[in-house]
Amino acid sequence: MSQLYFSFSRLFYWFLAAFLVLSLAGCLPPRPQPRPPADVLAAKALKKQNEKLKL
């Protein structure tokens, strides 16, 4: 009987530890979105400026 109790208590602690890790992982802020390189942003800004000048 004590063998069975020991396995259940050990299993309970594993589930408790897994729950704590998953709940703490949910509290962390998400990773920032990657931004395109500066030359791509400059090209888009230039294209947008040219479109405004055409109108």
PDB file of N, CA and C in Angstrom:
ATOM      1  N   MET A   1       0.823  -1.197   0.000  1.00  0.00           N
ATOM      2  CA  MET A   1       0.000   0.000   0.000  1.00  0.00           C
ATOM      3  C   MET A   1       0.866   1.260   0.000  1.00  0.00           C
ATOM      4  N   SER A   2       1.940   1.250   0.763  1.00  0.00           N
ATOM      5  CA  SER A   2       2.801   2.428   0.805  1.00  0.00           C
ATOM      6  C   SER A   2       3.495   2.648  -0.537  1.00  0.00           C
ATOM      7  N   GLN A   3       3.751   1.545  -1.256  1.00  0.00           N
ATOM      8  CA  GLN A   3       4.360   1.652  -2.592  1.00  0.00           C
ATOM      9  C   GLN A   3       3.407   2.396  -3.532  1.00  0.00           C
ATOM     10  N   LEU A   4       2.121   2.070  -3.439  1.00  0.00           N
ATOM     11  CA  LEU A   4       1.118   2.713  -4.280  1.00  0.00           C
ATOM     12  C   LEU A   4       0.981   4.190  -3.911  1.00  0.00           C
ATOM     13  N   TYR A   5       0.981   4.491  -2.621  1.00  0.00           N
ATOM     14  CA  TYR A   5       0.891   5.882  -2.167  1.00  0.00           C
ATOM     15  C   TYR A   5       2.102   6.681  -2.638  1.00  0.00           C
ATOM     16  N   PHE A   6       3.270   6.064  -2.583  1.00  0.00           N
ATOM     17  CA  PHE A   6       4.493   6.746  -3.011  1.00  0.00           C
ATOM     18  C   PHE A   6       4.436   7.083  -4.499  1.00  0.00           C
ATOM     19  N   SER A   7       3.931   6.169  -5.322  1.00  0.00           N
ATOM     20  CA  SER A   7       3.877   6.437  -6.762  1.00  0.00           C
ATOM     21  C   SER A   7       2.871   7.544  -7.066  1.00  0.00           C
ATOM     22  N   PHE A   8       1.728   7.552  -6.347  1.00  0.00           N
ATOM     23  CA  PHE A   8       0.740   8.601  -6.589  1.00  0.00           C
ATOM     24  C   PHE A   8       1.251   9.958  -6.125  1.00  0.00           C
ATOM     25  N   SER A   9       1.934   9.995  -4.998  1.00  0.00           N
ATOM     26  CA  SER A   9       2.443  11.280  -4.518  1.00  0.00           C
ATOM     27  C   SER A   9       3.546  11.790  -5.445  1.00  0.00           C
ATOM     28  N   ARG A  10       4.351  10.885  -5.957  1.00  0.00           N
ATOM     29  CA  ARG A  10       5.398  11.291  -6.893  1.00  0.00           C
ATOM     30  C   ARG A  10       4.783  11.811  -8.196  1.00  0.00           C
ATOM     31  N   LEU A  11       3.750  11.113  -8.658  1.00  0.00           N
ATOM     32  CA  LEU A  11       3.055  11.541  -9.871  1.00  0.00           C
ATOM     33  C   LEU A  11       2.402  12.901  -9.657  1.00  0.00           C
ATOM     34  N   PHE A  12       1.821  13.112  -8.482  1.00  0.00           N
ATOM     35  CA  PHE A  12       1.202  14.393  -8.163  1.00  0.00           C
ATOM     36  C   PHE A  12       2.227  15.522  -8.214  1.00  0.00           C
ATOM     37  N   TYR A  13       3.413  15.296  -7.666  1.00  0.00           N
ATOM     38  CA  TYR A  13       4.444  16.335  -7.686  1.00  0.00           C
ATOM     39  C   TYR A  13       4.923  16.624  -9.102  1.00  0.00           C
ATOM     40  N   TRP A  14       4.989  15.612  -9.941  1.00  0.00           N
ATOM     41  CA  TRP A  14       5.373  15.845 -11.338  1.00  0.00           C
ATOM     42  C   TRP A  14       4.326  16.689 -12.057  1.00  0.00           C
ATOM     43  N   PHE A  15       3.042  16.364 -11.835  1.00  0.00           N
ATOM     44  CA  PHE A  15       1.978  17.160 -12.453  1.00  0.00           C
ATOM     45  C   PHE A  15       1.979  18.586 -11.916  1.00  0.00           C
ATOM     46  N   LEU A  16       2.232  18.731 -10.637  1.00  0.00           N
ATOM     47  CA  LEU A  16       2.288  20.064 -10.043  1.00  0.00           C
ATOM     48  C   LEU A  16       3.444  20.870 -10.628  1.00  0.00           C
ATOM     49  N   ALA A  17       4.595  20.245 -10.775  1.00  0.00           N
ATOM     50  CA  ALA A  17       5.751  20.936 -11.354  1.00  0.00           C
ATOM     51  C   ALA A  17       5.484  21.314 -12.808  1.00  0.00           C
ATOM     52  N   ALA A  18       4.876  20.408 -13.576  1.00  0.00           N
ATOM     53  CA  ALA A  18       4.570  20.707 -14.978  1.00  0.00           C
ATOM     54  C   ALA A  18       3.567  21.854 -15.070  1.00  0.00           C
ATOM     55  N   PHE A  19       2.571  21.863 -14.195  1.00  0.00           N
ATOM     56  CA  PHE A  19       1.583  22.940 -14.198  1.00  0.00           C
ATOM     57  C   PHE A  19       2.231  24.282 -13.875  1.00  0.00           C
ATOM     58  N   LEU A  20       3.129  24.296 -12.899  1.00  0.00           N
ATOM     59  CA  LEU A  20       3.808  25.543 -12.543  1.00  0.00           C
ATOM     60  C   LEU A  20       4.661  26.062 -13.690  1.00  0.00           C
ATOM     61  N   VAL A  21       5.367  25.178 -14.358  1.00  0.00           N
ATOM     62  CA  VAL A  21       6.210  25.601 -15.485  1.00  0.00           C
ATOM     63  C   VAL A  21       5.348  26.158 -16.610  1.00  0.00           C
ATOM     64  N   LEU A  22       4.254  25.480 -16.927  1.00  0.00           N
ATOM     65  CA  LEU A  22       3.389  25.962 -18.009  1.00  0.00           C
ATOM     66  C   LEU A  22       2.693  27.269 -17.642  1.00  0.00           C
ATOM     67  N   SER A  23       2.297  27.423 -16.397  1.00  0.00           N
ATOM     68  CA  SER A  23       1.642  28.674 -16.009  1.00  0.00           C
ATOM     69  C   SER A  23       2.634  29.826 -15.998  1.00  0.00           C
ATOM     70  N   LEU A  24       3.880  29.574 -15.608  1.00  0.00           N
ATOM     71  CA  LEU A  24       4.885  30.634 -15.643  1.00  0.00           C
ATOM     72  C   LEU A  24       5.253  30.991 -17.076  1.00  0.00           C
ATOM     73  N   ALA A  25       5.255  30.015 -17.965  1.00  0.00           N
ATOM     74  CA  ALA A  25       5.568  30.293 -19.365  1.00  0.00           C
ATOM     75  C   ALA A  25       4.488  31.168 -19.988  1.00  0.00           C
ATOM     76  N   GLY A  26       3.252  31.054 -19.518  1.00  0.00           N
ATOM     77  CA  GLY A  26       2.173  31.892 -20.023  1.00  0.00           C
ATOM     78  C   GLY A  26       2.287  33.329 -19.552  1.00  0.00           C
ATOM     79  N   CYS A  27       3.024  33.575 -18.495  1.00  0.00           N
ATOM     80  CA  CYS A  27       3.173  34.931 -17.959  1.00  0.00           C
ATOM     81  C   CYS A  27       4.267  35.722 -18.668  1.00  0.00           C
ATOM     82  N   LEU A  28       5.130  35.042 -19.381  1.00  0.00           N
ATOM     83  CA  LEU A  28       6.227  35.731 -20.055  1.00  0.00           C
ATOM     84  C   LEU A  28       5.705  36.519 -21.250  1.00  0.00           C
ATOM     85  N   PRO A  29       6.270  37.664 -21.559  1.00  0.00           N
ATOM     86  CA  PRO A  29       5.814  38.422 -22.728  1.00  0.00           C
ATOM     87  C   PRO A  29       6.180  37.689 -24.015  1.00  0.00           C
ATOM     88  N   PRO A  30       5.387  37.871 -25.063  1.00  0.00           N
ATOM     89  CA  PRO A  30       5.694  37.196 -26.321  1.00  0.00           C
ATOM     90  C   PRO A  30       6.952  37.763 -26.966  1.00  0.00           C
ATOM     91  N   ARG A  31       7.521  36.988 -27.836  1.00  0.00           N
ATOM     92  CA  ARG A  31       8.730  37.411 -28.538  1.00  0.00           C
ATOM     93  C   ARG A  31       8.389  38.545 -29.500  1.00  0.00           C
ATOM     94  N   PRO A  32       9.223  39.573 -29.631  1.00  0.00           N
ATOM     95  CA  PRO A  32       8.918  40.670 -30.553  1.00  0.00           C
ATOM     96  C   PRO A  32       8.946  40.191 -32.005  1.00  0.00           C
ATOM     97  N   GLN A  33       8.112  40.810 -32.810  1.00  0.00           N
ATOM     98  CA  GLN A  33       8.049  40.453 -34.229  1.00  0.00           C
ATOM     99  C   GLN A  33       9.305  40.946 -34.932  1.00  0.00           C
ATOM    100  N   PRO A  34       9.857  40.137 -35.825  1.00  0.00           N
ATOM    101  CA  PRO A  34      11.051  40.585 -36.552  1.00  0.00           C
ATOM    102  C   PRO A  34      10.711  41.727 -37.508  1.00  0.00           C
ATOM    103  N   ARG A  35      11.614  42.674 -37.624  1.00  0.00           N
ATOM    104  CA  ARG A  35      11.410  43.820 -38.517  1.00  0.00           C
ATOM    105  C   ARG A  35      12.260  43.636 -39.759  1.00  0.00           C
ATOM    106  N   PRO A  36      11.785  44.135 -40.905  1.00  0.00           N
ATOM    107  CA  PRO A  36      12.591  44.042 -42.122  1.00  0.00           C
ATOM    108  C   PRO A  36      13.823  44.940 -42.023  1.00  0.00           C
ATOM    109  N   PRO A  37      14.830  44.678 -42.838  1.00  0.00           N
ATOM    110  CA  PRO A  37      16.042  45.505 -42.809  1.00  0.00           C
ATOM    111  C   PRO A  37      15.745  46.963 -43.160  1.00  0.00           C
ATOM    112  N   ALA A  38      16.652  47.841 -42.789  1.00  0.00           N
ATOM    113  CA  ALA A  38      16.451  49.282 -42.980  1.00  0.00           C
ATOM    114  C   ALA A  38      16.357  49.643 -44.455  1.00  0.00           C
ATOM    115  N   ASP A  39      17.118  48.970 -45.323  1.00  0.00           N
ATOM    116  CA  ASP A  39      17.058  49.323 -46.746  1.00  0.00           C
ATOM    117  C   ASP A  39      15.700  48.958 -47.350  1.00  0.00           C
ATOM    118  N   VAL A  40      15.080  47.896 -46.876  1.00  0.00           N
ATOM    119  CA  VAL A  40      13.743  47.538 -47.367  1.00  0.00           C
ATOM    120  C   VAL A  40      12.732  48.576 -46.903  1.00  0.00           C
ATOM    121  N   LEU A  41      12.848  49.013 -45.650  1.00  0.00           N
ATOM    122  CA  LEU A  41      11.937  50.049 -45.150  1.00  0.00           C
ATOM    123  C   LEU A  41      12.115  51.356 -45.910  1.00  0.00           C
ATOM    124  N   ALA A  42      13.354  51.703 -46.233  1.00  0.00           N
ATOM    125  CA  ALA A  42      13.612  52.934 -46.984  1.00  0.00           C
ATOM    126  C   ALA A  42      13.030  52.834 -48.388  1.00  0.00           C
ATOM    127  N   ALA A  43      13.144  51.675 -49.018  1.00  0.00           N
ATOM    128  CA  ALA A  43      12.592  51.499 -50.363  1.00  0.00           C
ATOM    129  C   ALA A  43      11.074  51.616 -50.340  1.00  0.00           C
ATOM    130  N   LYS A  44      10.441  51.060 -49.311  1.00  0.00           N
ATOM    131  CA  LYS A  44       8.980  51.167 -49.210  1.00  0.00           C
ATOM    132  C   LYS A  44       8.560  52.613 -48.988  1.00  0.00           C
ATOM    133  N   ALA A  45       9.302  53.341 -48.158  1.00  0.00           N
ATOM    134  CA  ALA A  45       8.974  54.745 -47.900  1.00  0.00           C
ATOM    135  C   ALA A  45       9.132  55.568 -49.171  1.00  0.00           C
ATOM    136  N   LEU A  46      10.173  55.280 -49.942  1.00  0.00           N
ATOM    137  CA  LEU A  46      10.394  55.996 -51.196  1.00  0.00           C
ATOM    138  C   LEU A  46       9.280  55.696 -52.194  1.00  0.00           C
ATOM    139  N   LYS A  47       8.865  54.449 -52.258  1.00  0.00           N
ATOM    140  CA  LYS A  47       7.779  54.063 -53.166  1.00  0.00           C
ATOM    141  C   LYS A  47       6.479  54.756 -52.767  1.00  0.00           C
ATOM    142  N   LYS A  48       6.218  54.822 -51.457  1.00  0.00           N
ATOM    143  CA  LYS A  48       5.011  55.483 -50.971  1.00  0.00           C
ATOM    144  C   LYS A  48       5.052  56.978 -51.281  1.00  0.00           C
ATOM    145  N   GLN A  49       6.233  57.581 -51.159  1.00  0.00           N
ATOM    146  CA  GLN A  49       6.383  59.011 -51.444  1.00  0.00           C
ATOM    147  C   GLN A  49       6.154  59.271 -52.934  1.00  0.00           C
ATOM    148  N   ASN A  50       6.664  58.403 -53.795  1.00  0.00           N
ATOM    149  CA  ASN A  50       6.454  58.559 -55.235  1.00  0.00           C
ATOM    150  C   ASN A  50       4.982  58.430 -55.598  1.00  0.00           C
ATOM    151  N   GLU A  51       4.274  57.518 -54.936  1.00  0.00           N
ATOM    152  CA  GLU A  51       2.842  57.369 -55.209  1.00  0.00           C
ATOM    153  C   GLU A  51       2.076  58.617 -54.789  1.00  0.00           C
ATOM    154  N   LYS A  52       2.485  59.245 -53.694  1.00  0.00           N
ATOM    155  CA  LYS A  52       1.819  60.473 -53.253  1.00  0.00           C
ATOM    156  C   LYS A  52       2.076  61.607 -54.244  1.00  0.00           C
ATOM    157  N   LEU A  53       3.284  61.671 -54.804  1.00  0.00           N
ATOM    158  CA  LEU A  53       3.609  62.735 -55.751  1.00  0.00           C
ATOM    159  C   LEU A  53       2.847  62.574 -57.062  1.00  0.00           C
ATOM    160  N   LYS A  54       2.545  61.345 -57.452  1.00  0.00           N
ATOM    161  CA  LYS A  54       1.806  61.101 -58.695  1.00  0.00           C
ATOM    162  C   LYS A  54       0.367  61.564 -58.587  1.00  0.00           C
ATOM    163  N   LEU A  55      -0.195  61.536 -57.387  1.00  0.00           N
ATOM    164  CA  LEU A  55      -1.593  61.948 -57.213  1.00  0.00           C
ATOM    165  C   LEU A  55      -1.714  63.413 -57.180  1.00  0.00           C
TER     166      LEU A  55
END
